Amino acid sequence: MLNQYETVFILTPVLSDDQMKEAVKKYQEFVKDKGAEIVHEENWGMRKMAYPIQKKSTGFYHLMEYKAEGSIIADLEVAFKRDERVMRFLTVKLDKHAVAYNEKKRAKAEETVKEEAK
């Protein structure tokens, strides 16, 4: 059975916009190649961090929500640890309440966009 996961990773701010997009694409393809289905993604852009990491106080934040087998998480985390562009990452398994909350939040965001388009 597929579980639903949410991964947030922070890329180093010294990357150009193209390098950042390439790194994100690498992890999208990594997850898809392992048989996962990406449900939702958000690029949060450059953000200030609560505390410096590797003497950097900002980073590119990216959120990825996907359905996958549990075995994919260990492989994904090893890939993150080996990549010098990734400063931090966190993967969380979503329970049914979190999945429902995320779907409701996305529906509300889409509704707001439609309202603004009118």
N, C-alpha and C. Protein backbone atom coordinates (compact mmCIF):
# COMPACT_ATOMS: atom_id res chain seq x y z
N MET A 1 0.83 -1.20 0.00
CA MET A 1 0.00 0.00 0.00
C MET A 1 0.87 1.26 0.00
N LEU A 2 0.41 2.26 -0.70
CA LEU A 2 1.16 3.51 -0.78
C LEU A 2 0.80 4.42 0.38
N ASN A 3 1.82 4.99 0.98
CA ASN A 3 1.64 6.00 2.02
C ASN A 3 1.83 7.36 1.40
N GLN A 4 1.32 8.38 2.06
CA GLN A 4 1.51 9.74 1.55
C GLN A 4 2.56 10.44 2.42
N TYR A 5 3.52 11.06 1.76
CA TYR A 5 4.63 11.73 2.45
C TYR A 5 4.73 13.17 1.98
N GLU A 6 5.37 13.97 2.83
CA GLU A 6 5.64 15.36 2.52
C GLU A 6 7.11 15.59 2.85
N THR A 7 7.86 16.09 1.88
CA THR A 7 9.28 16.37 2.09
C THR A 7 9.54 17.84 1.80
N VAL A 8 10.21 18.49 2.73
CA VAL A 8 10.68 19.87 2.53
C VAL A 8 12.19 19.82 2.53
N PHE A 9 12.80 20.42 1.51
CA PHE A 9 14.26 20.49 1.52
C PHE A 9 14.71 21.91 1.23
N ILE A 10 15.87 22.24 1.78
CA ILE A 10 16.44 23.59 1.65
C ILE A 10 17.73 23.48 0.83
N LEU A 11 17.75 24.22 -0.27
CA LEU A 11 18.95 24.24 -1.12
C LEU A 11 19.78 25.48 -0.79
N THR A 12 21.07 25.36 -0.97
CA THR A 12 22.00 26.44 -0.65
C THR A 12 21.69 27.69 -1.50
N PRO A 13 21.80 28.88 -0.91
CA PRO A 13 21.44 30.11 -1.63
C PRO A 13 22.46 30.54 -2.67
N VAL A 14 23.61 29.89 -2.76
CA VAL A 14 24.62 30.30 -3.74
C VAL A 14 24.30 29.79 -5.14
N LEU A 15 23.26 28.98 -5.28
CA LEU A 15 22.87 28.45 -6.59
C LEU A 15 22.18 29.52 -7.41
N SER A 16 22.36 29.45 -8.72
CA SER A 16 21.60 30.32 -9.61
C SER A 16 20.18 29.77 -9.70
N ASP A 17 19.30 30.53 -10.31
CA ASP A 17 17.90 30.09 -10.44
C ASP A 17 17.84 28.79 -11.25
N ASP A 18 18.62 28.69 -12.32
CA ASP A 18 18.64 27.49 -13.16
C ASP A 18 19.18 26.28 -12.39
N GLN A 19 20.23 26.48 -11.61
CA GLN A 19 20.80 25.39 -10.82
C GLN A 19 19.80 24.89 -9.77
N MET A 20 19.06 25.83 -9.19
CA MET A 20 18.06 25.46 -8.19
C MET A 20 16.96 24.62 -8.84
N LYS A 21 16.48 25.06 -10.01
CA LYS A 21 15.44 24.32 -10.73
C LYS A 21 15.92 22.94 -11.15
N GLU A 22 17.19 22.85 -11.54
CA GLU A 22 17.76 21.57 -11.94
C GLU A 22 17.82 20.60 -10.75
N ALA A 23 18.19 21.11 -9.58
CA ALA A 23 18.25 20.27 -8.38
C ALA A 23 16.85 19.77 -8.00
N VAL A 24 15.86 20.65 -8.09
CA VAL A 24 14.48 20.26 -7.78
C VAL A 24 14.01 19.19 -8.76
N LYS A 25 14.32 19.40 -10.05
CA LYS A 25 13.92 18.44 -11.09
C LYS A 25 14.56 17.08 -10.83
N LYS A 26 15.80 17.09 -10.38
CA LYS A 26 16.51 15.84 -10.08
C LYS A 26 15.73 15.02 -9.05
N TYR A 27 15.24 15.68 -8.01
CA TYR A 27 14.53 14.96 -6.95
C TYR A 27 13.11 14.59 -7.37
N GLN A 28 12.50 15.39 -8.24
CA GLN A 28 11.19 15.01 -8.79
C GLN A 28 11.33 13.71 -9.58
N GLU A 29 12.34 13.65 -10.45
CA GLU A 29 12.57 12.47 -11.27
C GLU A 29 12.99 11.28 -10.41
N PHE A 30 13.78 11.52 -9.37
CA PHE A 30 14.22 10.46 -8.47
C PHE A 30 13.00 9.77 -7.85
N VAL A 31 12.08 10.60 -7.35
CA VAL A 31 10.87 10.07 -6.70
C VAL A 31 10.01 9.32 -7.71
N LYS A 32 9.83 9.88 -8.89
CA LYS A 32 9.01 9.24 -9.93
C LYS A 32 9.63 7.93 -10.39
N ASP A 33 10.96 7.89 -10.54
CA ASP A 33 11.65 6.67 -10.97
C ASP A 33 11.48 5.54 -9.97
N LYS A 34 11.30 5.88 -8.71
CA LYS A 34 11.11 4.87 -7.66
C LYS A 34 9.65 4.42 -7.56
N GLY A 35 8.81 4.93 -8.46
CA GLY A 35 7.41 4.49 -8.51
C GLY A 35 6.45 5.35 -7.71
N ALA A 36 6.87 6.52 -7.30
CA ALA A 36 6.00 7.41 -6.52
C ALA A 36 5.19 8.31 -7.45
N GLU A 37 4.08 8.80 -6.91
CA GLU A 37 3.22 9.73 -7.64
C GLU A 37 3.25 11.06 -6.89
N ILE A 38 3.70 12.11 -7.56
CA ILE A 38 3.75 13.43 -6.92
C ILE A 38 2.34 14.00 -6.92
N VAL A 39 1.85 14.32 -5.71
CA VAL A 39 0.50 14.84 -5.54
C VAL A 39 0.49 16.36 -5.65
N HIS A 40 1.48 17.00 -5.03
CA HIS A 40 1.51 18.46 -4.98
C HIS A 40 2.94 18.94 -4.75
N GLU A 41 3.23 20.12 -5.28
CA GLU A 41 4.54 20.73 -5.07
C GLU A 41 4.39 22.22 -4.86
N GLU A 42 5.27 22.77 -4.06
CA GLU A 42 5.31 24.22 -3.86
C GLU A 42 6.76 24.66 -3.80
N ASN A 43 7.05 25.70 -4.56
CA ASN A 43 8.37 26.31 -4.47
C ASN A 43 8.20 27.55 -3.60
N TRP A 44 8.75 27.51 -2.40
CA TRP A 44 8.59 28.62 -1.46
C TRP A 44 9.62 29.72 -1.72
N GLY A 45 10.57 29.47 -2.59
CA GLY A 45 11.56 30.49 -2.94
C GLY A 45 12.62 30.69 -1.87
N MET A 46 13.32 31.81 -2.00
CA MET A 46 14.39 32.14 -1.05
C MET A 46 13.77 32.65 0.25
N ARG A 47 14.16 32.03 1.35
CA ARG A 47 13.63 32.43 2.66
C ARG A 47 14.76 32.56 3.66
N LYS A 48 14.52 33.41 4.64
CA LYS A 48 15.47 33.56 5.74
C LYS A 48 15.25 32.40 6.71
N MET A 49 16.33 31.81 7.18
CA MET A 49 16.23 30.68 8.10
C MET A 49 16.27 31.17 9.55
N ALA A 50 15.78 30.35 10.44
CA ALA A 50 15.73 30.72 11.85
C ALA A 50 17.14 30.83 12.45
N TYR A 51 18.06 30.03 11.93
CA TYR A 51 19.44 30.08 12.40
C TYR A 51 20.36 29.72 11.23
N PRO A 52 21.60 30.21 11.25
CA PRO A 52 22.51 29.93 10.13
C PRO A 52 22.88 28.45 10.02
N ILE A 53 22.96 27.98 8.78
CA ILE A 53 23.43 26.63 8.48
C ILE A 53 24.58 26.80 7.50
N GLN A 54 25.73 26.22 7.81
CA GLN A 54 26.93 26.35 6.98
C GLN A 54 27.24 27.83 6.71
N LYS A 55 27.05 28.67 7.72
CA LYS A 55 27.30 30.11 7.68
C LYS A 55 26.41 30.84 6.67
N LYS A 56 25.28 30.25 6.33
CA LYS A 56 24.32 30.87 5.42
C LYS A 56 23.01 31.10 6.17
N SER A 57 22.42 32.26 5.99
CA SER A 57 21.19 32.58 6.74
C SER A 57 19.94 32.51 5.87
N THR A 58 20.10 32.20 4.56
CA THR A 58 18.95 32.04 3.67
C THR A 58 19.10 30.74 2.88
N GLY A 59 18.01 30.33 2.24
CA GLY A 59 18.05 29.13 1.41
C GLY A 59 16.80 29.04 0.55
N PHE A 60 16.88 28.23 -0.51
CA PHE A 60 15.73 27.97 -1.37
C PHE A 60 14.92 26.82 -0.76
N TYR A 61 13.68 27.08 -0.42
CA TYR A 61 12.82 26.07 0.18
C TYR A 61 11.93 25.45 -0.89
N HIS A 62 11.76 24.13 -0.84
CA HIS A 62 10.87 23.44 -1.78
C HIS A 62 10.12 22.33 -1.04
N LEU A 63 8.80 22.26 -1.28
CA LEU A 63 7.95 21.25 -0.65
C LEU A 63 7.46 20.29 -1.74
N MET A 64 7.49 19.01 -1.42
CA MET A 64 7.01 17.99 -2.35
C MET A 64 6.11 17.02 -1.57
N GLU A 65 4.90 16.82 -2.05
CA GLU A 65 3.96 15.88 -1.43
C GLU A 65 3.73 14.75 -2.42
N TYR A 66 3.88 13.50 -1.97
CA TYR A 66 3.81 12.37 -2.90
C TYR A 66 3.31 11.11 -2.21
N LYS A 67 2.82 10.18 -3.04
CA LYS A 67 2.40 8.85 -2.57
C LYS A 67 3.48 7.87 -3.00
N ALA A 68 3.95 7.06 -2.04
CA ALA A 68 5.04 6.15 -2.35
C ALA A 68 5.09 5.00 -1.35
N GLU A 69 5.88 3.99 -1.69
CA GLU A 69 6.18 2.90 -0.77
C GLU A 69 7.12 3.45 0.31
N GLY A 70 7.09 2.86 1.47
CA GLY A 70 7.93 3.32 2.57
C GLY A 70 9.42 3.17 2.30
N SER A 71 9.78 2.21 1.46
CA SER A 71 11.20 1.94 1.19
C SER A 71 11.90 3.07 0.43
N ILE A 72 11.13 3.92 -0.24
CA ILE A 72 11.72 5.01 -1.04
C ILE A 72 12.38 6.06 -0.15
N ILE A 73 11.88 6.22 1.07
CA ILE A 73 12.34 7.32 1.94
C ILE A 73 13.82 7.20 2.27
N ALA A 74 14.27 6.00 2.60
CA ALA A 74 15.70 5.82 2.93
C ALA A 74 16.58 6.18 1.74
N ASP A 75 16.18 5.76 0.54
CA ASP A 75 16.96 6.07 -0.67
C ASP A 75 16.99 7.58 -0.94
N LEU A 76 15.83 8.22 -0.77
CA LEU A 76 15.74 9.66 -0.99
C LEU A 76 16.63 10.42 0.00
N GLU A 77 16.60 10.01 1.26
CA GLU A 77 17.41 10.70 2.27
C GLU A 77 18.90 10.51 2.04
N VAL A 78 19.30 9.34 1.55
CA VAL A 78 20.72 9.12 1.21
C VAL A 78 21.11 10.06 0.07
N ALA A 79 20.23 10.21 -0.93
CA ALA A 79 20.52 11.12 -2.04
C ALA A 79 20.65 12.56 -1.55
N PHE A 80 19.78 12.97 -0.62
CA PHE A 80 19.87 14.32 -0.06
C PHE A 80 21.20 14.51 0.68
N LYS A 81 21.60 13.51 1.47
CA LYS A 81 22.84 13.62 2.26
C LYS A 81 24.07 13.70 1.36
N ARG A 82 24.03 13.05 0.21
CA ARG A 82 25.18 13.05 -0.70
C ARG A 82 25.27 14.32 -1.54
N ASP A 83 24.18 15.05 -1.65
CA ASP A 83 24.13 16.24 -2.50
C ASP A 83 24.56 17.47 -1.69
N GLU A 84 25.65 18.10 -2.10
CA GLU A 84 26.15 19.27 -1.36
C GLU A 84 25.25 20.49 -1.50
N ARG A 85 24.34 20.47 -2.48
CA ARG A 85 23.42 21.59 -2.67
C ARG A 85 22.31 21.60 -1.62
N VAL A 86 22.03 20.44 -1.01
CA VAL A 86 20.96 20.33 -0.03
C VAL A 86 21.53 20.59 1.37
N MET A 87 21.01 21.64 2.02
CA MET A 87 21.49 21.99 3.35
C MET A 87 20.72 21.25 4.44
N ARG A 88 19.40 21.14 4.27
CA ARG A 88 18.54 20.44 5.24
C ARG A 88 17.37 19.82 4.50
N PHE A 89 16.80 18.78 5.10
CA PHE A 89 15.60 18.16 4.56
C PHE A 89 14.81 17.53 5.69
N LEU A 90 13.52 17.39 5.49
CA LEU A 90 12.66 16.74 6.47
C LEU A 90 11.53 16.04 5.71
N THR A 91 11.35 14.74 6.00
CA THR A 91 10.27 13.97 5.40
C THR A 91 9.33 13.53 6.50
N VAL A 92 8.04 13.73 6.25
CA VAL A 92 7.01 13.39 7.23
C VAL A 92 5.98 12.49 6.56
N LYS A 93 5.60 11.41 7.24
CA LYS A 93 4.52 10.55 6.75
C LYS A 93 3.21 11.19 7.19
N LEU A 94 2.31 11.42 6.24
CA LEU A 94 1.04 12.08 6.54
C LEU A 94 -0.01 11.04 6.92
N ASP A 95 -0.74 11.32 8.01
CA ASP A 95 -1.87 10.46 8.36
C ASP A 95 -3.10 10.95 7.61
N LYS A 96 -4.23 10.27 7.78
CA LYS A 96 -5.43 10.63 7.00
C LYS A 96 -5.90 12.05 7.29
N HIS A 97 -5.69 12.53 8.51
CA HIS A 97 -6.12 13.88 8.87
C HIS A 97 -5.27 14.94 8.18
N ALA A 98 -3.97 14.68 8.10
CA ALA A 98 -3.06 15.61 7.42
C ALA A 98 -3.33 15.65 5.93
N VAL A 99 -3.62 14.48 5.34
CA VAL A 99 -3.95 14.43 3.91
C VAL A 99 -5.22 15.23 3.64
N ALA A 100 -6.24 15.03 4.48
CA ALA A 100 -7.50 15.77 4.32
C ALA A 100 -7.27 17.27 4.48
N TYR A 101 -6.46 17.66 5.46
CA TYR A 101 -6.16 19.07 5.69
C TYR A 101 -5.48 19.68 4.46
N ASN A 102 -4.47 18.98 3.91
CA ASN A 102 -3.75 19.49 2.74
C ASN A 102 -4.67 19.64 1.54
N GLU A 103 -5.57 18.65 1.33
CA GLU A 103 -6.50 18.73 0.20
C GLU A 103 -7.44 19.91 0.37
N LYS A 104 -7.92 20.12 1.59
CA LYS A 104 -8.82 21.24 1.87
C LYS A 104 -8.11 22.58 1.65
N LYS A 105 -6.86 22.65 2.09
CA LYS A 105 -6.06 23.87 1.94
C LYS A 105 -5.83 24.18 0.46
N ARG A 106 -5.53 23.15 -0.35
CA ARG A 106 -5.32 23.35 -1.79
C ARG A 106 -6.61 23.78 -2.48
N ALA A 107 -7.73 23.18 -2.10
CA ALA A 107 -9.02 23.54 -2.69
C ALA A 107 -9.35 25.00 -2.39
N LYS A 108 -9.08 25.42 -1.17
CA LYS A 108 -9.33 26.81 -0.78
C LYS A 108 -8.44 27.77 -1.56
N ALA A 109 -7.18 27.39 -1.77
CA ALA A 109 -6.24 28.22 -2.53
C ALA A 109 -6.70 28.35 -3.98
N GLU A 110 -7.16 27.25 -4.57
CA GLU A 110 -7.66 27.28 -5.95
C GLU A 110 -8.89 28.16 -6.06
N GLU A 111 -9.75 28.09 -5.06
CA GLU A 111 -10.96 28.91 -5.03
C GLU A 111 -10.60 30.40 -4.98
N THR A 112 -9.61 30.74 -4.17
CA THR A 112 -9.15 32.12 -4.05
C THR A 112 -8.60 32.62 -5.38
N VAL A 113 -7.85 31.77 -6.08
CA VAL A 113 -7.28 32.16 -7.38
C VAL A 113 -8.41 32.42 -8.37
N LYS A 114 -9.42 31.57 -8.37
CA LYS A 114 -10.57 31.76 -9.28
C LYS A 114 -11.31 33.05 -8.96
N GLU A 115 -11.46 33.36 -7.67
CA GLU A 115 -12.13 34.60 -7.24
C GLU A 115 -11.37 35.82 -7.75
N GLU A 116 -10.05 35.78 -7.64
CA GLU A 116 -9.22 36.91 -8.06
C GLU A 116 -9.22 37.07 -9.58
N ALA A 117 -9.42 35.97 -10.30
CA ALA A 117 -9.42 36.02 -11.76
C ALA A 117 -10.67 36.71 -12.31
N LYS A 118 -11.73 36.74 -11.52
CA LYS A 118 -12.99 37.33 -11.98
C LYS A 118 -12.95 38.84 -12.03
